[in-house]
């Protein structure tokens, strides 16, 4: 499969882990590849992604569609797609 260049929007809470970037472009075949590329490029991002709590409060969208309703992390990407990482607000 051919890698496609996609843009990933980073929520403000995770920006310190990606050197302050709000938007990062990566080459990827799937959502899983895109996240993997980010973790390789930004080791601090990898640390943030490792915890199960973050994964529970995280939603990932491809072109405004939640990957939970597509193929989850196996959702295929095309050139120009935009991923949005969204952290649900928690509290009590």
Protein backbone atom coordinates (compact mmCIF):
# COMPACT_ATOMS: atom_id res chain seq x y z
CA UNK A 1 0.00 0.00 0.00
CA UNK A 2 1.09 3.52 -0.69
CA UNK A 3 1.69 5.92 2.16
CA UNK A 4 -0.39 9.08 2.01
CA UNK A 5 0.43 12.45 3.51
CA UNK A 6 -2.17 13.33 6.12
CA UNK A 7 -2.49 16.13 8.65
CA UNK A 8 -3.00 15.40 12.32
CA UNK A 9 -4.56 18.04 14.57
CA UNK A 10 -3.11 17.84 18.07
CA UNK A 11 -5.21 18.94 21.07
CA UNK A 12 -3.68 21.63 23.28
CA UNK A 13 -3.20 19.19 26.17
CA UNK A 14 -0.89 17.04 24.02
CA UNK A 15 1.00 19.83 22.22
CA UNK A 16 3.89 19.93 24.72
CA UNK A 17 4.56 16.30 23.73
CA UNK A 18 4.88 17.30 20.04
CA UNK A 19 7.12 20.33 20.52
CA UNK A 20 4.13 22.69 20.63
CA UNK A 21 2.73 21.87 17.19
CA UNK A 22 -1.01 22.20 16.66
CA UNK A 23 -0.82 20.43 13.29
CA UNK A 24 1.65 17.73 12.22
CA UNK A 25 1.89 16.14 8.78
CA UNK A 26 2.80 12.45 8.58
CA UNK A 27 2.90 9.76 5.92
CA UNK A 28 0.65 6.83 6.77
CA UNK A 29 -1.54 4.06 5.35
CA UNK A 30 -3.86 3.83 8.36
CA UNK A 31 -4.72 5.68 11.55
CA UNK A 32 -2.49 3.23 13.43
CA UNK A 33 0.43 4.15 11.13
CA UNK A 34 -0.20 7.86 11.67
CA UNK A 35 -0.13 7.46 15.45
CA UNK A 36 2.95 5.27 15.11
CA UNK A 37 4.71 7.94 13.04
CA UNK A 38 3.94 10.52 15.70
CA UNK A 39 5.29 8.31 18.47
CA UNK A 40 8.53 7.73 16.56
CA UNK A 41 8.98 11.40 15.70
CA UNK A 42 8.02 12.65 19.15
CA UNK A 43 9.10 10.29 21.96
CA UNK A 44 7.23 12.36 24.55
CA UNK A 45 4.04 11.77 22.56
CA UNK A 46 4.73 8.04 22.80
CA UNK A 47 4.87 8.36 26.60
CA UNK A 48 1.49 10.12 26.62
CA UNK A 49 -0.09 7.47 24.39
CA UNK A 50 1.12 4.56 26.51
CA UNK A 51 -1.38 4.96 29.36
CA UNK A 52 -4.78 3.27 29.18
CA UNK A 53 -6.56 6.25 30.74
CA UNK A 54 -5.62 8.52 27.85
CA UNK A 55 -6.88 5.97 25.36
CA UNK A 56 -10.26 5.81 27.15
CA UNK A 57 -10.76 9.57 26.95
CA UNK A 58 -9.45 9.92 23.39
CA UNK A 59 -11.46 10.02 20.20
CA UNK A 60 -9.85 10.09 16.78
CA UNK A 61 -11.66 11.43 13.76
CA UNK A 62 -10.82 11.05 10.08
CA UNK A 63 -12.46 13.83 8.09
CA UNK A 64 -15.04 14.38 10.86
CA UNK A 65 -15.91 10.67 11.21
CA UNK A 66 -15.09 8.92 14.48
CA UNK A 67 -12.85 5.92 13.75
CA UNK A 68 -14.90 3.93 16.29
CA UNK A 69 -17.62 3.84 13.63
CA UNK A 70 -15.19 3.01 10.82
CA UNK A 71 -12.38 0.45 11.18
CA UNK A 72 -10.92 1.87 14.41
CA UNK A 73 -7.13 2.17 14.18
CA UNK A 74 -7.17 0.12 10.97
CA UNK A 75 -9.11 2.88 9.17
CA UNK A 76 -7.34 3.48 5.85
CA UNK A 77 -6.10 6.95 4.97
CA UNK A 78 -5.91 8.81 1.69
CA UNK A 79 -3.77 11.76 0.69
CA UNK A 80 -5.18 14.95 2.13
CA UNK A 81 -7.15 13.27 4.92
CA UNK A 82 -7.20 15.06 8.23
CA UNK A 83 -7.02 13.30 11.57
CA UNK A 84 -8.25 15.05 14.67
CA UNK A 85 -7.23 13.74 18.08
CA UNK A 86 -9.86 14.81 20.58
CA UNK A 87 -9.62 14.38 24.32
CA UNK A 88 -12.91 14.12 26.16
CA UNK A 89 -13.19 16.40 29.14
CA UNK A 90 -13.28 14.46 32.38
CA UNK A 91 -13.74 15.55 35.91
CA UNK A 92 -15.93 15.18 38.89
